[in-house]
Every structure is written in C-alpha cells, then in structure tokens.
PDB file of N, CA and C in Angstrom:
ATOM      1  N   MET A   1     114.029 120.574  73.606  1.00  0.00           N
ATOM      2  CA  MET A   1     113.401 120.500  74.915  1.00  0.00           C
ATOM      3  C   MET A   1     114.071 121.540  75.815  1.00  0.00           C
ATOM      4  N   SER A   2     113.240 122.337  76.430  1.00  0.00           N
ATOM      5  CA  SER A   2     113.782 123.366  77.308  1.00  0.00           C
ATOM      6  C   SER A   2     114.137 122.770  78.670  1.00  0.00           C
ATOM      7  N   VAL A   3     114.830 123.551  79.448  1.00  0.00           N
ATOM      8  CA  VAL A   3     115.248 123.118  80.781  1.00  0.00           C
ATOM      9  C   VAL A   3     114.026 122.895  81.666  1.00  0.00           C
ATOM     10  N   LEU A   4     113.022 123.762  81.543  1.00  0.00           N
ATOM     11  CA  LEU A   4     111.807 123.623  82.348  1.00  0.00           C
ATOM     12  C   LEU A   4     111.081 122.318  82.027  1.00  0.00           C
ATOM     13  N   GLU A   5     110.973 121.985  80.745  1.00  0.00           N
ATOM     14  CA  GLU A   5     110.336 120.721  80.362  1.00  0.00           C
ATOM     15  C   GLU A   5     111.119 119.536  80.912  1.00  0.00           C
ATOM     16  N   PHE A   6     112.436 119.619  80.867  1.00  0.00           N
ATOM     17  CA  PHE A   6     113.285 118.550  81.386  1.00  0.00           C
ATOM     18  C   PHE A   6     113.061 118.356  82.882  1.00  0.00           C
ATOM     19  N   ILE A   7     113.038 119.463  83.630  1.00  0.00           N
ATOM     20  CA  ILE A   7     112.832 119.385  85.078  1.00  0.00           C
ATOM     21  C   ILE A   7     111.446 118.838  85.388  1.00  0.00           C
ATOM     22  N   LEU A   8     110.421 119.337  84.696  1.00  0.00           N
ATOM     23  CA  LEU A   8     109.059 118.858  84.936  1.00  0.00           C
ATOM     24  C   LEU A   8     108.916 117.380  84.602  1.00  0.00           C
ATOM     25  N   ARG A   9     109.551 116.935  83.534  1.00  0.00           N
ATOM     26  CA  ARG A   9     109.475 115.520  83.158  1.00  0.00           C
ATOM     27  C   ARG A   9     110.091 114.644  84.247  1.00  0.00           C
ATOM     28  N   HIS A  10     111.224 115.059  84.791  1.00  0.00           N
ATOM     29  CA  HIS A  10     111.869 114.270  85.841  1.00  0.00           C
ATOM     30  C   HIS A  10     111.093 114.331  87.152  1.00  0.00           C
ATOM     31  N   MET A  11     110.493 115.479  87.459  1.00  0.00           N
ATOM     32  CA  MET A  11     109.668 115.568  88.668  1.00  0.00           C
ATOM     33  C   MET A  11     108.450 114.660  88.555  1.00  0.00           C
ATOM     34  N   MET A  12     107.816 114.639  87.396  1.00  0.00           N
ATOM     35  CA  MET A  12     106.650 113.773  87.207  1.00  0.00           C
ATOM     36  C   MET A  12     107.053 112.306  87.260  1.00  0.00           C
ATOM     37  N   GLY A  13     108.217 111.975  86.722  1.00  0.00           N
ATOM     38  CA  GLY A  13     108.707 110.602  86.814  1.00  0.00           C
ATOM     39  C   GLY A  13     108.946 110.188  88.253  1.00  0.00           C
ATOM     40  N   PHE A  14     109.500 111.100  89.052  1.00  0.00           N
ATOM     41  CA  PHE A  14     109.729 110.823  90.466  1.00  0.00           C
ATOM     42  C   PHE A  14     108.408 110.596  91.195  1.00  0.00           C
ATOM     43  N   LEU A  15     107.421 111.459  90.947  1.00  0.00           N
ATOM     44  CA  LEU A  15     106.114 111.299  91.586  1.00  0.00           C
ATOM     45  C   LEU A  15     105.436 110.007  91.145  1.00  0.00           C
ATOM     46  N   GLU A  16     105.562 109.653  89.869  1.00  0.00           N
ATOM     47  CA  GLU A  16     104.977 108.402  89.391  1.00  0.00           C
ATOM     48  C   GLU A  16     105.628 107.208  90.074  1.00  0.00           C
ATOM     49  N   ASP A  17     106.939 107.252  90.279  1.00  0.00           N
ATOM     50  CA  ASP A  17     107.624 106.158  90.975  1.00  0.00           C
ATOM     51  C   ASP A  17     107.120 106.010  92.397  1.00  0.00           C
ATOM     52  N   ILE A  18     106.933 107.128  93.095  1.00  0.00           N
ATOM     53  CA  ILE A  18     106.432 107.071  94.469  1.00  0.00           C
ATOM     54  C   ILE A  18     105.022 106.498  94.492  1.00  0.00           C
ATOM     55  N   LEU A  19     104.162 106.972  93.585  1.00  0.00           N
ATOM     56  CA  LEU A  19     102.788 106.472  93.565  1.00  0.00           C
ATOM     57  C   LEU A  19     102.731 105.002  93.167  1.00  0.00           C
ATOM     58  N   MET A  20     103.636 104.554  92.289  1.00  0.00           N
ATOM     59  CA  MET A  20     103.671 103.135  91.938  1.00  0.00           C
ATOM     60  C   MET A  20     104.054 102.299  93.145  1.00  0.00           C
ATOM     61  N   LYS A  21     104.954 102.800  93.992  1.00  0.00           N
ATOM     62  CA  LYS A  21     105.316 102.067  95.199  1.00  0.00           C
ATOM     63  C   LYS A  21     104.124 101.944  96.133  1.00  0.00           C
ATOM     64  N   VAL A  22     103.295 102.980  96.183  1.00  0.00           N
ATOM     65  CA  VAL A  22     102.104 102.931  97.039  1.00  0.00           C
ATOM     66  C   VAL A  22     101.160 101.844  96.552  1.00  0.00           C
ATOM     67  N   PHE A  23     100.972 101.740  95.249  1.00  0.00           N
ATOM     68  CA  PHE A  23      99.979 100.820  94.710  1.00  0.00           C
ATOM     69  C   PHE A  23     100.526  99.428  94.424  1.00  0.00           C
ATOM     70  N   LEU A  24     101.813  99.181  94.654  1.00  0.00           N
ATOM     71  CA  LEU A  24     102.378  97.859  94.396  1.00  0.00           C
ATOM     72  C   LEU A  24     102.362  96.940  95.613  1.00  0.00           C
ATOM     73  N   ILE A  25     101.744  97.357  96.709  1.00  0.00           N
ATOM     74  CA  ILE A  25     101.660  96.499  97.891  1.00  0.00           C
ATOM     75  C   ILE A  25     100.747  95.332  97.545  1.00  0.00           C
ATOM     76  N   SER A  26     101.259  94.120  97.698  1.00  0.00           N
ATOM     77  CA  SER A  26     100.436  92.962  97.342  1.00  0.00           C
ATOM     78  C   SER A  26      99.369  92.741  98.407  1.00  0.00           C
ATOM     79  N   PRO A  27      98.120  92.587  98.004  1.00  0.00           N
ATOM     80  CA  PRO A  27      97.039  92.490  98.990  1.00  0.00           C
ATOM     81  C   PRO A  27      96.876  91.085  99.558  1.00  0.00           C
ATOM     82  N   PHE A  28      96.859  90.992 100.903  1.00  0.00           N
ATOM     83  CA  PHE A  28      96.444  89.759 101.562  1.00  0.00           C
ATOM     84  C   PHE A  28      94.947  89.834 101.841  1.00  0.00           C
ATOM     85  N   TYR A  29      94.518  90.983 102.334  1.00  0.00           N
ATOM     86  CA  TYR A  29      93.105  91.235 102.610  1.00  0.00           C
ATOM     87  C   TYR A  29      92.699  92.439 101.771  1.00  0.00           C
ATOM     88  N   PRO A  30      92.016  92.227 100.663  1.00  0.00           N
ATOM     89  CA  PRO A  30      91.770  93.320  99.714  1.00  0.00           C
ATOM     90  C   PRO A  30      91.102  94.551 100.316  1.00  0.00           C
ATOM     91  N   GLU A  31      90.126  94.359 101.221  1.00  0.00           N
ATOM     92  CA  GLU A  31      89.435  95.525 101.769  1.00  0.00           C
ATOM     93  C   GLU A  31      90.394  96.384 102.587  1.00  0.00           C
ATOM     94  N   GLU A  32      91.174  95.735 103.448  1.00  0.00           N
ATOM     95  CA  GLU A  32      92.095  96.475 104.308  1.00  0.00           C
ATOM     96  C   GLU A  32      93.188  97.155 103.486  1.00  0.00           C
ATOM     97  N   TRP A  33      93.716  96.441 102.499  1.00  0.00           N
ATOM     98  CA  TRP A  33      94.826  96.992 101.736  1.00  0.00           C
ATOM     99  C   TRP A  33      94.381  98.094 100.789  1.00  0.00           C
ATOM    100  N   SER A  34      93.169  98.007 100.271  1.00  0.00           N
ATOM    101  CA  SER A  34      92.724  99.103  99.419  1.00  0.00           C
ATOM    102  C   SER A  34      92.550 100.368 100.255  1.00  0.00           C
ATOM    103  N   LEU A  35      92.093 100.208 101.493  1.00  0.00           N
ATOM    104  CA  LEU A  35      91.994 101.357 102.391  1.00  0.00           C
ATOM    105  C   LEU A  35      93.386 101.903 102.704  1.00  0.00           C
ATOM    106  N   MET A  36      94.369 101.017 102.902  1.00  0.00           N
ATOM    107  CA  MET A  36      95.731 101.472 103.184  1.00  0.00           C
ATOM    108  C   MET A  36      96.294 102.237 101.989  1.00  0.00           C
ATOM    109  N   ARG A  37      96.007 101.782 100.796  1.00  0.00           N
ATOM    110  CA  ARG A  37      96.484 102.493  99.610  1.00  0.00           C
ATOM    111  C   ARG A  37      95.881 103.888  99.522  1.00  0.00           C
ATOM    112  N   VAL A  38      94.591 103.980  99.820  1.00  0.00           N
ATOM    113  CA  VAL A  38      93.930 105.288  99.785  1.00  0.00           C
ATOM    114  C   VAL A  38      94.538 106.215 100.832  1.00  0.00           C
ATOM    115  N   ILE A  39      94.766 105.693 102.032  1.00  0.00           N
ATOM    116  CA  ILE A  39      95.347 106.508 103.097  1.00  0.00           C
ATOM    117  C   ILE A  39      96.763 106.936 102.731  1.00  0.00           C
ATOM    118  N   ASN A  40      97.561 106.013 102.178  1.00  0.00           N
ATOM    119  CA  ASN A  40      98.928 106.358 101.771  1.00  0.00           C
ATOM    120  C   ASN A  40      98.929 107.451 100.709  1.00  0.00           C
ATOM    121  N   THR A  41      98.058 107.322  99.732  1.00  0.00           N
ATOM    122  CA  THR A  41      97.991 108.326  98.676  1.00  0.00           C
ATOM    123  C   THR A  41      97.562 109.675  99.239  1.00  0.00           C
ATOM    124  N   PHE A  42      96.578 109.662 100.135  1.00  0.00           N
ATOM    125  CA  PHE A  42      96.122 110.903 100.769  1.00  0.00           C
ATOM    126  C   PHE A  42      97.255 111.563 101.552  1.00  0.00           C
ATOM    127  N   LEU A  43      97.992 110.774 102.341  1.00  0.00           N
ATOM    128  CA  LEU A  43      99.088 111.331 103.132  1.00  0.00           C
ATOM    129  C   LEU A  43     100.176 111.917 102.240  1.00  0.00           C
ATOM    130  N   LEU A  44     100.492 111.216 101.155  1.00  0.00           N
ATOM    131  CA  LEU A  44     101.527 111.703 100.249  1.00  0.00           C
ATOM    132  C   LEU A  44     101.109 113.016  99.590  1.00  0.00           C
ATOM    133  N   TRP A  45      99.877 113.086  99.103  1.00  0.00           N
ATOM    134  CA  TRP A  45      99.423 114.312  98.454  1.00  0.00           C
ATOM    135  C   TRP A  45      99.334 115.466  99.444  1.00  0.00           C
ATOM    136  N   CYS A  46      98.889 115.186 100.660  1.00  0.00           N
ATOM    137  CA  CYS A  46      98.857 116.245 101.684  1.00  0.00           C
ATOM    138  C   CYS A  46     100.268 116.758 101.963  1.00  0.00           C
ATOM    139  N   ALA A  47     101.225 115.840 102.053  1.00  0.00           N
ATOM    140  CA  ALA A  47     102.608 116.248 102.298  1.00  0.00           C
ATOM    141  C   ALA A  47     103.120 117.129 101.166  1.00  0.00           C
ATOM    142  N   LEU A  48     102.848 116.736  99.929  1.00  0.00           N
ATOM    143  CA  LEU A  48     103.323 117.524  98.790  1.00  0.00           C
ATOM    144  C   LEU A  48     102.650 118.893  98.730  1.00  0.00           C
ATOM    145  N   ILE A  49     101.353 118.937  99.011  1.00  0.00           N
ATOM    146  CA  ILE A  49     100.635 120.215  98.979  1.00  0.00           C
ATOM    147  C   ILE A  49     101.132 121.139 100.088  1.00  0.00           C
ATOM    148  N   PHE A  50     101.285 120.600 101.298  1.00  0.00           N
ATOM    149  CA  PHE A  50     101.763 121.433 102.399  1.00  0.00           C
ATOM    150  C   PHE A  50     103.201 121.887 102.154  1.00  0.00           C
ATOM    151  N   LEU A  51     104.020 121.019 101.559  1.00  0.00           N
ATOM    152  CA  LEU A  51     105.392 121.411 101.254  1.00  0.00           C
ATOM    153  C   LEU A  51     105.416 122.542 100.228  1.00  0.00           C
ATOM    154  N   ALA A  52     104.604 122.419  99.187  1.00  0.00           N
ATOM    155  CA  ALA A  52     104.543 123.471  98.169  1.00  0.00           C
ATOM    156  C   ALA A  52     104.048 124.784  98.771  1.00  0.00           C
ATOM    157  N   CYS A  53     103.016 124.716  99.598  1.00  0.00           N
ATOM    158  CA  CYS A  53     102.502 125.939 100.247  1.00  0.00           C
ATOM    159  C   CYS A  53     103.538 126.529 101.198  1.00  0.00           C
ATOM    160  N   GLY A  54     104.248 125.672 101.905  1.00  0.00           N
ATOM    161  CA  GLY A  54     105.281 126.160 102.814  1.00  0.00           C
ATOM    162  C   GLY A  54     106.397 126.870 102.083  1.00  0.00           C
ATOM    163  N   VAL A  55     106.770 126.341 100.928  1.00  0.00           N
ATOM    164  CA  VAL A  55     107.831 126.973 100.140  1.00  0.00           C
ATOM    165  C   VAL A  55     107.326 128.283  99.537  1.00  0.00           C
ATOM    166  N   LEU A  56     106.115 128.257  98.974  1.00  0.00           N
ATOM    167  CA  LEU A  56     105.593 129.460  98.326  1.00  0.00           C
ATOM    168  C   LEU A  56     105.283 130.571  99.322  1.00  0.00           C
ATOM    169  N   LEU A  57     104.703 130.213 100.461  1.00  0.00           N
ATOM    170  CA  LEU A  57     104.307 131.226 101.442  1.00  0.00           C
ATOM    171  C   LEU A  57     105.381 131.488 102.492  1.00  0.00           C
ATOM    172  N   GLU A  58     106.418 130.647 102.496  1.00  0.00           N
ATOM    173  CA  GLU A  58     107.520 130.740 103.460  1.00  0.00           C
ATOM    174  C   GLU A  58     107.022 130.661 104.901  1.00  0.00           C
ATOM    175  N   TRP A  59     106.105 129.729 105.143  1.00  0.00           N
ATOM    176  CA  TRP A  59     105.583 129.496 106.488  1.00  0.00           C
ATOM    177  C   TRP A  59     106.172 128.208 107.023  1.00  0.00           C
ATOM    178  N   PHE A  60     106.894 128.319 108.113  1.00  0.00           N
ATOM    179  CA  PHE A  60     107.567 127.156 108.695  1.00  0.00           C
ATOM    180  C   PHE A  60     106.569 126.115 109.190  1.00  0.00           C
ATOM    181  N   SER A  61     105.403 126.559 109.670  1.00  0.00           N
ATOM    182  CA  SER A  61     104.417 125.604 110.185  1.00  0.00           C
ATOM    183  C   SER A  61     103.920 124.671 109.086  1.00  0.00           C
ATOM    184  N   PHE A  62     103.869 125.139 107.849  1.00  0.00           N
ATOM    185  CA  PHE A  62     103.468 124.269 106.746  1.00  0.00           C
ATOM    186  C   PHE A  62     104.542 123.223 106.475  1.00  0.00           C
ATOM    187  N   TRP A  63     105.814 123.600 106.645  1.00  0.00           N
ATOM    188  CA  TRP A  63     106.896 122.631 106.470  1.00  0.00           C
ATOM    189  C   TRP A  63     106.803 121.542 107.526  1.00  0.00           C
ATOM    190  N   VAL A  64     106.481 121.939 108.756  1.00  0.00           N
ATOM    191  CA  VAL A  64     106.330 120.958 109.839  1.00  0.00           C
ATOM    192  C   VAL A  64     105.171 120.022 109.530  1.00  0.00           C
ATOM    193  N   ALA A  65     104.048 120.574 109.073  1.00  0.00           N
ATOM    194  CA  ALA A  65     102.893 119.745 108.721  1.00  0.00           C
ATOM    195  C   ALA A  65     103.243 118.791 107.582  1.00  0.00           C
ATOM    196  N   ALA A  66     103.988 119.275 106.592  1.00  0.00           N
ATOM    197  CA  ALA A  66     104.404 118.409 105.485  1.00  0.00           C
ATOM    198  C   ALA A  66     105.290 117.282 105.998  1.00  0.00           C
ATOM    199  N   GLY A  67     106.179 117.587 106.936  1.00  0.00           N
ATOM    200  CA  GLY A  67     107.032 116.553 107.523  1.00  0.00           C
ATOM    201  C   GLY A  67     106.233 115.510 108.274  1.00  0.00           C
ATOM    202  N   ILE A  68     105.198 115.948 108.983  1.00  0.00           N
ATOM    203  CA  ILE A  68     104.355 115.000 109.717  1.00  0.00           C
ATOM    204  C   ILE A  68     103.592 114.102 108.748  1.00  0.00           C
ATOM    205  N   PHE A  69     103.011 114.686 107.700  1.00  0.00           N
ATOM    206  CA  PHE A  69     102.307 113.878 106.701  1.00  0.00           C
ATOM    207  C   PHE A  69     103.262 112.902 106.016  1.00  0.00           C
ATOM    208  N   LEU A  70     104.468 113.373 105.681  1.00  0.00           N
ATOM    209  CA  LEU A  70     105.438 112.509 105.016  1.00  0.00           C
ATOM    210  C   LEU A  70     105.893 111.385 105.935  1.00  0.00           C
ATOM    211  N   ALA A  71     106.076 111.674 107.213  1.00  0.00           N
ATOM    212  CA  ALA A  71     106.442 110.626 108.170  1.00  0.00           C
ATOM    213  C   ALA A  71     105.328 109.592 108.280  1.00  0.00           C
ATOM    214  N   GLY A  72     104.084 110.044 108.319  1.00  0.00           N
ATOM    215  CA  GLY A  72     102.957 109.111 108.359  1.00  0.00           C
ATOM    216  C   GLY A  72     102.903 108.241 107.125  1.00  0.00           C
ATOM    217  N   TYR A  73     103.158 108.846 105.961  1.00  0.00           N
ATOM    218  CA  TYR A  73     103.179 108.084 104.713  1.00  0.00           C
ATOM    219  C   TYR A  73     104.269 107.018 104.742  1.00  0.00           C
ATOM    220  N   LEU A  74     105.478 107.408 105.148  1.00  0.00           N
ATOM    221  CA  LEU A  74     106.594 106.461 105.155  1.00  0.00           C
ATOM    222  C   LEU A  74     106.384 105.340 106.169  1.00  0.00           C
ATOM    223  N   ILE A  75     105.819 105.664 107.325  1.00  0.00           N
ATOM    224  CA  ILE A  75     105.560 104.631 108.335  1.00  0.00           C
ATOM    225  C   ILE A  75     104.519 103.645 107.820  1.00  0.00           C
ATOM    226  N   ARG A  76     103.438 104.144 107.234  1.00  0.00           N
ATOM    227  CA  ARG A  76     102.404 103.242 106.712  1.00  0.00           C
ATOM    228  C   ARG A  76     102.959 102.404 105.561  1.00  0.00           C
ATOM    229  N   LEU A  77     103.813 102.993 104.727  1.00  0.00           N
ATOM    230  CA  LEU A  77     104.408 102.236 103.629  1.00  0.00           C
ATOM    231  C   LEU A  77     105.327 101.146 104.165  1.00  0.00           C
ATOM    232  N   ALA A  78     106.116 101.455 105.191  1.00  0.00           N
ATOM    233  CA  ALA A  78     107.014 100.460 105.790  1.00  0.00           C
ATOM    234  C   ALA A  78     106.222  99.332 106.441  1.00  0.00           C
ATOM    235  N   VAL A  79     105.148  99.677 107.144  1.00  0.00           N
ATOM    236  CA  VAL A  79     104.315  98.641 107.767  1.00  0.00           C
ATOM    237  C   VAL A  79     103.693  97.757 106.695  1.00  0.00           C
ATOM    238  N   GLY A  80     103.242  98.364 105.622  1.00  0.00           N
ATOM    239  CA  GLY A  80     102.670  97.582 104.524  1.00  0.00           C
ATOM    240  C   GLY A  80     103.680  96.634 103.911  1.00  0.00           C
ATOM    241  N   LYS A  81     104.908  97.091 103.741  1.00  0.00           N
ATOM    242  CA  LYS A  81     105.948  96.227 103.171  1.00  0.00           C
ATOM    243  C   LYS A  81     106.317  95.097 104.131  1.00  0.00           C
ATOM    244  N   MET A  82     106.318  95.375 105.442  1.00  0.00           N
ATOM    245  CA  MET A  82     106.651  94.326 106.411  1.00  0.00           C
ATOM    246  C   MET A  82     105.562  93.266 106.480  1.00  0.00           C
ATOM    247  N   LEU A  83     104.321  93.638 106.206  1.00  0.00           N
ATOM    248  CA  LEU A  83     103.216  92.687 106.277  1.00  0.00           C
ATOM    249  C   LEU A  83     103.072  91.861 105.010  1.00  0.00           C
ATOM    250  N   GLU A  84     103.857  92.155 103.987  1.00  0.00           N
ATOM    251  CA  GLU A  84     103.764  91.381 102.742  1.00  0.00           C
ATOM    252  C   GLU A  84     104.160  89.944 102.953  1.00  0.00           C
TER     253      GLU A  84
END
C-alpha cells in the first residue's frame, strides 16, 4: 500500500465518520429530522468544496465561506443533539 492510498483511506474514513454522525440523529419528528439531515449534509459538502477550492485557488474568501458553512453545520448538529 502506497502512502497516497493510506492517506486517502484515512481521509475517507474521517468523512464517513462525520457523515455517520449527521445521519445518527434519532428522529422525534421524521419529516423535520429528515430535512435537518439533508441540510446538515448540504452544509458539510459545501464547506468541504469551498475549502478545497480555497486551498487550490488560494482565495481567502473561499476559506471564509467554508468556515461559515462549517459553523452552520456544527451549530445545526449541536442543536440536533440537544433536542434528542
């Protein structure tokens, strides 16, 4: 196994762990919680995409946008956990 495969395997494991946390919120109201899961997943993917673009293009505004998306994701995840 090369170093690149090792790094990619661990990165994918990390992303899978984050996505599992998004989908492990126990539903009290299925309609509302399924919408929250979709929003959380959207925010997380937007944050990752903006972060990757910010790193590749070296644009600070993309890093700021990624931080805002990530903050929104973490806040919604925390609210979801508190409502369990």
